[in-house]
Amino acid sequence: EFEFDYRNLPHMQPEDVAAPIRRHIAEMLEP
Protein backbone atom coordinates (compact mmCIF):
# COMPACT_ATOMS: atom_id res chain seq x y z
CA GLU A 1 0.00 0.00 0.00
CA PHE A 2 1.13 3.55 -0.64
CA GLU A 3 -0.36 7.03 -0.58
CA PHE A 4 0.36 10.06 -2.73
CA ASP A 5 -0.91 13.59 -2.81
CA TYR A 6 -1.72 16.01 -5.60
CA ARG A 7 -1.48 19.76 -4.99
CA ASN A 8 -3.29 21.35 -7.90
CA LEU A 9 -3.28 24.86 -9.23
CA PRO A 10 -6.82 26.30 -9.18
CA HIS A 11 -7.38 25.82 -12.92
CA MET A 12 -6.57 22.09 -12.72
CA GLN A 13 -8.67 19.22 -11.42
CA PRO A 14 -7.97 15.88 -9.65
CA GLU A 15 -8.93 13.94 -12.76
CA ASP A 16 -6.08 15.58 -14.64
CA VAL A 17 -3.77 13.14 -12.87
CA ALA A 18 -6.15 10.46 -11.60
CA ALA A 19 -7.36 9.53 -15.08
CA PRO A 20 -3.91 8.81 -16.60
CA ILE A 21 -2.85 6.90 -13.49
CA ARG A 22 -5.94 4.69 -13.71
CA ARG A 23 -5.30 4.12 -17.42
CA HIS A 24 -1.71 3.13 -16.70
CA ILE A 25 -2.95 0.65 -14.11
CA ALA A 26 -5.60 -0.84 -16.38
CA GLU A 27 -3.63 -0.91 -19.62
CA MET A 28 -0.06 -1.59 -18.49
CA LEU A 29 0.30 -2.97 -14.98
CA GLU A 30 -2.74 -5.14 -14.32
CA PRO A 31 -2.39 -7.12 -17.58
PDB file of all heavy atoms in Angstrom:
ATOM      1  N   GLU A   1       0.842  -1.188   0.000  1.00  0.00           N
ATOM      2  CA  GLU A   1       0.000   0.000   0.000  1.00  0.00           C
ATOM      3  C   GLU A   1       0.884   1.246   0.000  1.00  0.00           C
ATOM      4  O   GLU A   1       1.917   1.276   0.660  1.00  0.00           O
ATOM      5  CB  GLU A   1      -0.910   0.031   1.227  1.00  0.00           C
ATOM      6  CG  GLU A   1      -1.851  -1.146   1.340  1.00  0.00           C
ATOM      7  CD  GLU A   1      -2.731  -1.062   2.582  1.00  0.00           C
ATOM      8  OE1 GLU A   1      -2.517  -0.132   3.404  1.00  0.00           O
ATOM      9  OE2 GLU A   1      -3.612  -1.912   2.728  1.00  0.00           O
ATOM     10  N   PHE A   2       0.454   2.260  -0.725  1.00  0.00           N
ATOM     11  CA  PHE A   2       1.130   3.549  -0.640  1.00  0.00           C
ATOM     12  C   PHE A   2       0.122   4.668  -0.872  1.00  0.00           C
ATOM     13  O   PHE A   2      -0.965   4.457  -1.404  1.00  0.00           O
ATOM     14  CB  PHE A   2       2.298   3.637  -1.632  1.00  0.00           C
ATOM     15  CG  PHE A   2       1.912   3.676  -3.085  1.00  0.00           C
ATOM     16  CD1 PHE A   2       1.709   4.881  -3.743  1.00  0.00           C
ATOM     17  CD2 PHE A   2       1.772   2.495  -3.811  1.00  0.00           C
ATOM     18  CE1 PHE A   2       1.366   4.914  -5.090  1.00  0.00           C
ATOM     19  CE2 PHE A   2       1.436   2.519  -5.159  1.00  0.00           C
ATOM     20  CZ  PHE A   2       1.233   3.734  -5.795  1.00  0.00           C
ATOM     21  N   GLU A   3       0.502   5.860  -0.439  1.00  0.00           N
ATOM     22  CA  GLU A   3      -0.356   7.027  -0.583  1.00  0.00           C
ATOM     23  C   GLU A   3       0.425   8.154  -1.242  1.00  0.00           C
ATOM     24  O   GLU A   3       1.616   8.334  -0.984  1.00  0.00           O
ATOM     25  CB  GLU A   3      -0.905   7.480   0.772  1.00  0.00           C
ATOM     26  CG  GLU A   3      -1.805   6.445   1.441  1.00  0.00           C
ATOM     27  CD  GLU A   3      -2.400   6.943   2.743  1.00  0.00           C
ATOM     28  OE1 GLU A   3      -2.635   8.166   2.871  1.00  0.00           O
ATOM     29  OE2 GLU A   3      -2.624   6.109   3.645  1.00  0.00           O
ATOM     30  N   PHE A   4      -0.259   8.895  -2.096  1.00  0.00           N
ATOM     31  CA  PHE A   4       0.364  10.058  -2.725  1.00  0.00           C
ATOM     32  C   PHE A   4      -0.602  11.227  -2.693  1.00  0.00           C
ATOM     33  O   PHE A   4      -1.816  11.052  -2.531  1.00  0.00           O
ATOM     34  CB  PHE A   4       0.801   9.742  -4.161  1.00  0.00           C
ATOM     35  CG  PHE A   4      -0.319   9.470  -5.137  1.00  0.00           C
ATOM     36  CD1 PHE A   4      -0.858  10.491  -5.911  1.00  0.00           C
ATOM     37  CD2 PHE A   4      -0.808   8.177  -5.302  1.00  0.00           C
ATOM     38  CE1 PHE A   4      -1.870  10.234  -6.821  1.00  0.00           C
ATOM     39  CE2 PHE A   4      -1.820   7.903  -6.213  1.00  0.00           C
ATOM     40  CZ  PHE A   4      -2.350   8.940  -6.979  1.00  0.00           C
ATOM     41  N   ASP A   5      -0.037  12.426  -2.791  1.00  0.00           N
ATOM     42  CA  ASP A   5      -0.913  13.594  -2.810  1.00  0.00           C
ATOM     43  C   ASP A   5      -0.660  14.446  -4.038  1.00  0.00           C
ATOM     44  O   ASP A   5       0.422  14.434  -4.634  1.00  0.00           O
ATOM     45  CB  ASP A   5      -0.837  14.400  -1.506  1.00  0.00           C
ATOM     46  CG  ASP A   5       0.305  15.410  -1.446  1.00  0.00           C
ATOM     47  OD1 ASP A   5       1.133  15.460  -2.363  1.00  0.00           O
ATOM     48  OD2 ASP A   5       0.362  16.139  -0.453  1.00  0.00           O
ATOM     49  N   TYR A   6      -1.705  15.154  -4.418  1.00  0.00           N
ATOM     50  CA  TYR A   6      -1.722  16.005  -5.600  1.00  0.00           C
ATOM     51  C   TYR A   6      -2.117  17.399  -5.144  1.00  0.00           C
ATOM     52  O   TYR A   6      -3.201  17.592  -4.586  1.00  0.00           O
ATOM     53  CB  TYR A   6      -2.731  15.453  -6.607  1.00  0.00           C
ATOM     54  CG  TYR A   6      -3.018  16.338  -7.801  1.00  0.00           C
ATOM     55  CD1 TYR A   6      -1.992  16.817  -8.611  1.00  0.00           C
ATOM     56  CD2 TYR A   6      -4.329  16.656  -8.136  1.00  0.00           C
ATOM     57  CE1 TYR A   6      -2.269  17.610  -9.718  1.00  0.00           C
ATOM     58  CE2 TYR A   6      -4.623  17.441  -9.247  1.00  0.00           C
ATOM     59  CZ  TYR A   6      -3.585  17.916 -10.031  1.00  0.00           C
ATOM     60  OH  TYR A   6      -3.863  18.696 -11.127  1.00  0.00           O
ATOM     61  N   ARG A   7      -1.223  18.363  -5.337  1.00  0.00           N
ATOM     62  CA  ARG A   7      -1.485  19.757  -4.990  1.00  0.00           C
ATOM     63  C   ARG A   7      -1.704  20.515  -6.291  1.00  0.00           C
ATOM     64  O   ARG A   7      -0.761  20.798  -7.025  1.00  0.00           O
ATOM     65  CB  ARG A   7      -0.304  20.352  -4.223  1.00  0.00           C
ATOM     66  CG  ARG A   7       0.121  19.553  -2.997  1.00  0.00           C
ATOM     67  CD  ARG A   7      -0.691  19.908  -1.792  1.00  0.00           C
ATOM     68  NE  ARG A   7      -0.334  19.111  -0.628  1.00  0.00           N
ATOM     69  CZ  ARG A   7      -0.378  19.546   0.627  1.00  0.00           C
ATOM     70  NH1 ARG A   7      -0.761  20.791   0.866  1.00  0.00           N
ATOM     71  NH2 ARG A   7      -0.068  18.747   1.632  1.00  0.00           N
ATOM     72  N   ASN A   8      -2.956  20.818  -6.584  1.00  0.00           N
ATOM     73  CA  ASN A   8      -3.288  21.348  -7.899  1.00  0.00           C
ATOM     74  C   ASN A   8      -3.455  22.853  -7.903  1.00  0.00           C
ATOM     75  O   ASN A   8      -3.999  23.450  -6.966  1.00  0.00           O
ATOM     76  CB  ASN A   8      -4.575  20.704  -8.425  1.00  0.00           C
ATOM     77  CG  ASN A   8      -5.780  21.002  -7.564  1.00  0.00           C
ATOM     78  OD1 ASN A   8      -5.820  20.607  -6.402  1.00  0.00           O
ATOM     79  ND2 ASN A   8      -6.774  21.687  -8.118  1.00  0.00           N
ATOM     80  N   LEU A   9      -2.965  23.470  -8.970  1.00  0.00           N
ATOM     81  CA  LEU A   9      -3.281  24.859  -9.230  1.00  0.00           C
ATOM     82  C   LEU A   9      -4.795  24.990  -9.431  1.00  0.00           C
ATOM     83  O   LEU A   9      -5.456  24.031  -9.848  1.00  0.00           O
ATOM     84  CB  LEU A   9      -2.543  25.349 -10.480  1.00  0.00           C
ATOM     85  CG  LEU A   9      -1.018  25.444 -10.377  1.00  0.00           C
ATOM     86  CD1 LEU A   9      -0.421  25.711 -11.748  1.00  0.00           C
ATOM     87  CD2 LEU A   9      -0.602  26.521  -9.391  1.00  0.00           C
ATOM     88  N   PRO A  10      -5.357  26.160  -9.125  1.00  0.00           N
ATOM     89  CA  PRO A  10      -6.819  26.295  -9.178  1.00  0.00           C
ATOM     90  C   PRO A  10      -7.460  25.933 -10.508  1.00  0.00           C
ATOM     91  O   PRO A  10      -8.615  25.477 -10.534  1.00  0.00           O
ATOM     92  CB  PRO A  10      -7.032  27.781  -8.843  1.00  0.00           C
ATOM     93  CG  PRO A  10      -5.875  28.135  -7.982  1.00  0.00           C
ATOM     94  CD  PRO A  10      -4.724  27.366  -8.552  1.00  0.00           C
ATOM     95  N   HIS A  11      -6.746  26.106 -11.626  1.00  0.00           N
ATOM     96  CA  HIS A  11      -7.377  25.823 -12.920  1.00  0.00           C
ATOM     97  C   HIS A  11      -7.292  24.344 -13.292  1.00  0.00           C
ATOM     98  O   HIS A  11      -7.817  23.948 -14.332  1.00  0.00           O
ATOM     99  CB  HIS A  11      -6.731  26.663 -14.030  1.00  0.00           C
ATOM    100  CG  HIS A  11      -5.310  26.291 -14.324  1.00  0.00           C
ATOM    101  ND1 HIS A  11      -4.248  26.797 -13.607  1.00  0.00           N
ATOM    102  CD2 HIS A  11      -4.772  25.467 -15.255  1.00  0.00           C
ATOM    103  CE1 HIS A  11      -3.120  26.313 -14.093  1.00  0.00           C
ATOM    104  NE2 HIS A  11      -3.402  25.496 -15.095  1.00  0.00           N
ATOM    105  N   MET A  12      -6.671  23.527 -12.439  1.00  0.00           N
ATOM    106  CA  MET A  12      -6.566  22.092 -12.720  1.00  0.00           C
ATOM    107  C   MET A  12      -7.451  21.296 -11.769  1.00  0.00           C
ATOM    108  O   MET A  12      -7.836  21.777 -10.698  1.00  0.00           O
ATOM    109  CB  MET A  12      -5.107  21.638 -12.632  1.00  0.00           C
ATOM    110  CG  MET A  12      -4.210  22.303 -13.658  1.00  0.00           C
ATOM    111  SD  MET A  12      -2.534  21.634 -13.662  1.00  0.00           S
ATOM    112  CE  MET A  12      -2.839  19.963 -14.282  1.00  0.00           C
ATOM    113  N   GLN A  13      -7.750  20.060 -12.166  1.00  0.00           N
ATOM    114  CA  GLN A  13      -8.675  19.216 -11.415  1.00  0.00           C
ATOM    115  C   GLN A  13      -8.008  17.893 -11.032  1.00  0.00           C
ATOM    116  O   GLN A  13      -7.017  17.485 -11.660  1.00  0.00           O
ATOM    117  CB  GLN A  13      -9.932  18.934 -12.245  1.00  0.00           C
ATOM    118  CG  GLN A  13     -10.697  20.179 -12.653  1.00  0.00           C
ATOM    119  CD  GLN A  13     -11.184  20.982 -11.467  1.00  0.00           C
ATOM    120  OE1 GLN A  13     -11.613  20.415 -10.461  1.00  0.00           O
ATOM    121  NE2 GLN A  13     -11.119  22.297 -11.569  1.00  0.00           N
ATOM    122  N   PRO A  14      -8.555  17.178 -10.040  1.00  0.00           N
ATOM    123  CA  PRO A  14      -7.974  15.879  -9.651  1.00  0.00           C
ATOM    124  C   PRO A  14      -7.902  14.885 -10.796  1.00  0.00           C
ATOM    125  O   PRO A  14      -6.941  14.122 -10.907  1.00  0.00           O
ATOM    126  CB  PRO A  14      -8.915  15.389  -8.553  1.00  0.00           C
ATOM    127  CG  PRO A  14      -9.547  16.616  -8.011  1.00  0.00           C
ATOM    128  CD  PRO A  14      -9.658  17.573  -9.148  1.00  0.00           C
ATOM    129  N   GLU A  15      -8.907  14.903 -11.672  1.00  0.00           N
ATOM    130  CA  GLU A  15      -8.927  13.941 -12.765  1.00  0.00           C
ATOM    131  C   GLU A  15      -7.803  14.156 -13.775  1.00  0.00           C
ATOM    132  O   GLU A  15      -7.498  13.265 -14.561  1.00  0.00           O
ATOM    133  CB  GLU A  15     -10.283  13.964 -13.468  1.00  0.00           C
ATOM    134  CG  GLU A  15     -11.359  13.174 -12.749  1.00  0.00           C
ATOM    135  CD  GLU A  15     -10.957  11.715 -12.550  1.00  0.00           C
ATOM    136  OE1 GLU A  15     -10.738  11.014 -13.551  1.00  0.00           O
ATOM    137  OE2 GLU A  15     -10.858  11.286 -11.379  1.00  0.00           O
ATOM    138  N   ASP A  16      -7.197  15.331 -13.734  1.00  0.00           N
ATOM    139  CA  ASP A  16      -6.080  15.579 -14.643  1.00  0.00           C
ATOM    140  C   ASP A  16      -4.925  14.614 -14.396  1.00  0.00           C
ATOM    141  O   ASP A  16      -4.137  14.326 -15.316  1.00  0.00           O
ATOM    142  CB  ASP A  16      -5.580  17.024 -14.495  1.00  0.00           C
ATOM    143  CG  ASP A  16      -6.593  18.037 -14.995  1.00  0.00           C
ATOM    144  OD1 ASP A  16      -7.420  17.679 -15.843  1.00  0.00           O
ATOM    145  OD2 ASP A  16      -6.552  19.192 -14.523  1.00  0.00           O
ATOM    146  N   VAL A  17      -4.802  14.132 -13.162  1.00  0.00           N
ATOM    147  CA  VAL A  17      -3.769  13.137 -12.874  1.00  0.00           C
ATOM    148  C   VAL A  17      -4.374  11.767 -12.569  1.00  0.00           C
ATOM    149  O   VAL A  17      -3.771  10.735 -12.880  1.00  0.00           O
ATOM    150  CB  VAL A  17      -2.852  13.579 -11.711  1.00  0.00           C
ATOM    151  CG1 VAL A  17      -2.091  14.839 -12.068  1.00  0.00           C
ATOM    152  CG2 VAL A  17      -3.629  13.758 -10.420  1.00  0.00           C
ATOM    153  N   ALA A  18      -5.549  11.748 -11.964  1.00  0.00           N
ATOM    154  CA  ALA A  18      -6.153  10.462 -11.597  1.00  0.00           C
ATOM    155  C   ALA A  18      -6.476   9.631 -12.829  1.00  0.00           C
ATOM    156  O   ALA A  18      -6.264   8.410 -12.840  1.00  0.00           O
ATOM    157  CB  ALA A  18      -7.409  10.681 -10.751  1.00  0.00           C
ATOM    158  N   ALA A  19      -6.975  10.276 -13.876  1.00  0.00           N
ATOM    159  CA  ALA A  19      -7.357   9.533 -15.080  1.00  0.00           C
ATOM    160  C   ALA A  19      -6.167   8.841 -15.744  1.00  0.00           C
ATOM    161  O   ALA A  19      -6.236   7.636 -16.050  1.00  0.00           O
ATOM    162  CB  ALA A  19      -8.076  10.458 -16.064  1.00  0.00           C
ATOM    163  N   PRO A  20      -5.050   9.529 -15.993  1.00  0.00           N
ATOM    164  CA  PRO A  20      -3.911   8.813 -16.604  1.00  0.00           C
ATOM    165  C   PRO A  20      -3.320   7.741 -15.703  1.00  0.00           C
ATOM    166  O   PRO A  20      -2.830   6.721 -16.201  1.00  0.00           O
ATOM    167  CB  PRO A  20      -2.904   9.928 -16.894  1.00  0.00           C
ATOM    168  CG  PRO A  20      -3.319  11.080 -16.075  1.00  0.00           C
ATOM    169  CD  PRO A  20      -4.791  10.976 -15.920  1.00  0.00           C
ATOM    170  N   ILE A  21      -3.361   7.942 -14.402  1.00  0.00           N
ATOM    171  CA  ILE A  21      -2.852   6.904 -13.493  1.00  0.00           C
ATOM    172  C   ILE A  21      -3.725   5.664 -13.577  1.00  0.00           C
ATOM    173  O   ILE A  21      -3.224   4.529 -13.655  1.00  0.00           O
ATOM    174  CB  ILE A  21      -2.775   7.434 -12.051  1.00  0.00           C
ATOM    175  CG1 ILE A  21      -1.698   8.520 -11.933  1.00  0.00           C
ATOM    176  CG2 ILE A  21      -2.454   6.297 -11.077  1.00  0.00           C
ATOM    177  CD1 ILE A  21      -1.671   9.222 -10.596  1.00  0.00           C
ATOM    178  N   ARG A  22      -5.039   5.851 -13.602  1.00  0.00           N
ATOM    179  CA  ARG A  22      -5.941   4.691 -13.710  1.00  0.00           C
ATOM    180  C   ARG A  22      -5.748   3.978 -15.057  1.00  0.00           C
ATOM    181  O   ARG A  22      -5.811   2.744 -15.117  1.00  0.00           O
ATOM    182  CB  ARG A  22      -7.389   5.148 -13.532  1.00  0.00           C
ATOM    183  CG  ARG A  22      -7.733   5.578 -12.111  1.00  0.00           C
ATOM    184  CD  ARG A  22      -9.245   5.686 -11.922  1.00  0.00           C
ATOM    185  NE  ARG A  22      -9.579   6.061 -10.561  1.00  0.00           N
ATOM    186  CZ  ARG A  22      -9.841   7.308 -10.169  1.00  0.00           C
ATOM    187  NH1 ARG A  22      -9.809   8.293 -11.054  1.00  0.00           N
ATOM    188  NH2 ARG A  22     -10.135   7.571  -8.906  1.00  0.00           N
ATOM    189  N   ARG A  23      -5.536   4.751 -16.118  1.00  0.00           N
ATOM    190  CA  ARG A  23      -5.303   4.121 -17.420  1.00  0.00           C
ATOM    191  C   ARG A  23      -4.014   3.306 -17.401  1.00  0.00           C
ATOM    192  O   ARG A  23      -3.961   2.199 -17.951  1.00  0.00           O
ATOM    193  CB  ARG A  23      -5.236   5.187 -18.523  1.00  0.00           C
ATOM    194  CG  ARG A  23      -6.571   5.721 -18.976  1.00  0.00           C
ATOM    195  CD  ARG A  23      -6.464   6.422 -20.325  1.00  0.00           C
ATOM    196  NE  ARG A  23      -5.523   7.537 -20.285  1.00  0.00           N
ATOM    197  CZ  ARG A  23      -5.858   8.781 -19.949  1.00  0.00           C
ATOM    198  NH1 ARG A  23      -7.107   9.066 -19.622  1.00  0.00           N
ATOM    199  NH2 ARG A  23      -4.942   9.740 -19.960  1.00  0.00           N
ATOM    200  N   HIS A  24      -2.984   3.845 -16.776  1.00  0.00           N
ATOM    201  CA  HIS A  24      -1.712   3.126 -16.698  1.00  0.00           C
ATOM    202  C   HIS A  24      -1.890   1.820 -15.923  1.00  0.00           C
ATOM    203  O   HIS A  24      -1.332   0.777 -16.307  1.00  0.00           O
ATOM    204  CB  HIS A  24      -0.661   4.003 -16.031  1.00  0.00           C
ATOM    205  CG  HIS A  24       0.718   3.426 -16.060  1.00  0.00           C
ATOM    206  ND1 HIS A  24       1.484   3.365 -17.199  1.00  0.00           N
ATOM    207  CD2 HIS A  24       1.469   2.841 -15.073  1.00  0.00           C
ATOM    208  CE1 HIS A  24       2.647   2.793 -16.931  1.00  0.00           C
ATOM    209  NE2 HIS A  24       2.659   2.465 -15.653  1.00  0.00           N
ATOM    210  N   ILE A  25      -2.672   1.867 -14.882  1.00  0.00           N
ATOM    211  CA  ILE A  25      -2.949   0.654 -14.111  1.00  0.00           C
ATOM    212  C   ILE A  25      -3.671  -0.374 -14.974  1.00  0.00           C
ATOM    213  O   ILE A  25      -3.291  -1.551 -15.031  1.00  0.00           O
ATOM    214  CB  ILE A  25      -3.782   0.999 -12.858  1.00  0.00           C
ATOM    215  CG1 ILE A  25      -2.941   1.797 -11.849  1.00  0.00           C
ATOM    216  CG2 ILE A  25      -4.327  -0.274 -12.206  1.00  0.00           C
ATOM    217  CD1 ILE A  25      -3.748   2.359 -10.688  1.00  0.00           C
ATOM    218  N   ALA A  26      -4.741   0.080 -15.633  1.00  0.00           N
ATOM    219  CA  ALA A  26      -5.604  -0.841 -16.381  1.00  0.00           C
ATOM    220  C   ALA A  26      -4.948  -1.365 -17.652  1.00  0.00           C
ATOM    221  O   ALA A  26      -5.158  -2.525 -18.043  1.00  0.00           O
ATOM    222  CB  ALA A  26      -6.924  -0.147 -16.714  1.00  0.00           C
ATOM    223  N   GLU A  27      -4.158  -0.531 -18.311  1.00  0.00           N
ATOM    224  CA  GLU A  27      -3.628  -0.907 -19.619  1.00  0.00           C
ATOM    225  C   GLU A  27      -2.216  -1.491 -19.566  1.00  0.00           C
ATOM    226  O   GLU A  27      -1.833  -2.258 -20.455  1.00  0.00           O
ATOM    227  CB  GLU A  27      -3.645   0.312 -20.546  1.00  0.00           C
ATOM    228  CG  GLU A  27      -5.049   0.841 -20.820  1.00  0.00           C
ATOM    229  CD  GLU A  27      -5.035   2.124 -21.635  1.00  0.00           C
ATOM    230  OE1 GLU A  27      -3.933   2.532 -22.066  1.00  0.00           O
ATOM    231  OE2 GLU A  27      -6.121   2.714 -21.838  1.00  0.00           O
ATOM    232  N   MET A  28      -1.453  -1.153 -18.533  1.00  0.00           N
ATOM    233  CA  MET A  28      -0.059  -1.586 -18.486  1.00  0.00           C
ATOM    234  C   MET A  28       0.232  -2.557 -17.338  1.00  0.00           C
ATOM    235  O   MET A  28       0.774  -3.656 -17.578  1.00  0.00           O
ATOM    236  CB  MET A  28       0.858  -0.357 -18.363  1.00  0.00           C
ATOM    237  CG  MET A  28       0.793   0.589 -19.532  1.00  0.00           C
ATOM    238  SD  MET A  28       1.388  -0.179 -21.075  1.00  0.00           S
ATOM    239  CE  MET A  28       3.098  -0.471 -20.648  1.00  0.00           C
ATOM    240  N   LEU A  29      -0.143  -2.195 -16.131  1.00  0.00           N
ATOM    241  CA  LEU A  29       0.304  -2.973 -14.976  1.00  0.00           C
ATOM    242  C   LEU A  29      -0.564  -4.194 -14.706  1.00  0.00           C
ATOM    243  O   LEU A  29      -0.054  -5.308 -14.536  1.00  0.00           O
ATOM    244  CB  LEU A  29       0.366  -2.074 -13.731  1.00  0.00           C
ATOM    245  CG  LEU A  29       1.330  -0.886 -13.832  1.00  0.00           C
ATOM    246  CD1 LEU A  29       1.340  -0.101 -12.523  1.00  0.00           C
ATOM    247  CD2 LEU A  29       2.736  -1.350 -14.185  1.00  0.00           C
ATOM    248  N   GLU A  30      -1.874  -3.998 -14.649  1.00  0.00           N
ATOM    249  CA  GLU A  30      -2.742  -5.139 -14.324  1.00  0.00           C
ATOM    250  C   GLU A  30      -2.651  -6.267 -15.349  1.00  0.00           C
ATOM    251  O   GLU A  30      -2.676  -7.452 -14.941  1.00  0.00           O
ATOM    252  CB  GLU A  30      -4.186  -4.663 -14.132  1.00  0.00           C
ATOM    253  CG  GLU A  30      -4.409  -3.938 -12.814  1.00  0.00           C
ATOM    254  CD  GLU A  30      -5.861  -3.599 -12.557  1.00  0.00           C
ATOM    255  OE1 GLU A  30      -6.630  -3.438 -13.546  1.00  0.00           O
ATOM    256  OE2 GLU A  30      -6.242  -3.485 -11.385  1.00  0.00           O
ATOM    257  N   PRO A  31      -2.551  -5.994 -16.650  1.00  0.00           N
ATOM    258  CA  PRO A  31      -2.394  -7.117 -17.585  1.00  0.00           C
ATOM    259  C   PRO A  31      -1.148  -7.952 -17.302  1.00  0.00           C
ATOM    260  O   PRO A  31      -1.191  -9.191 -17.413  1.00  0.00           O
ATOM    261  CB  PRO A  31      -2.308  -6.420 -18.947  1.00  0.00           C
ATOM    262  CG  PRO A  31      -3.077  -5.159 -18.778  1.00  0.00           C
ATOM    263  CD  PRO A  31      -2.766  -4.729 -17.376  1.00  0.00           C
TER     264      PRO A  31
END
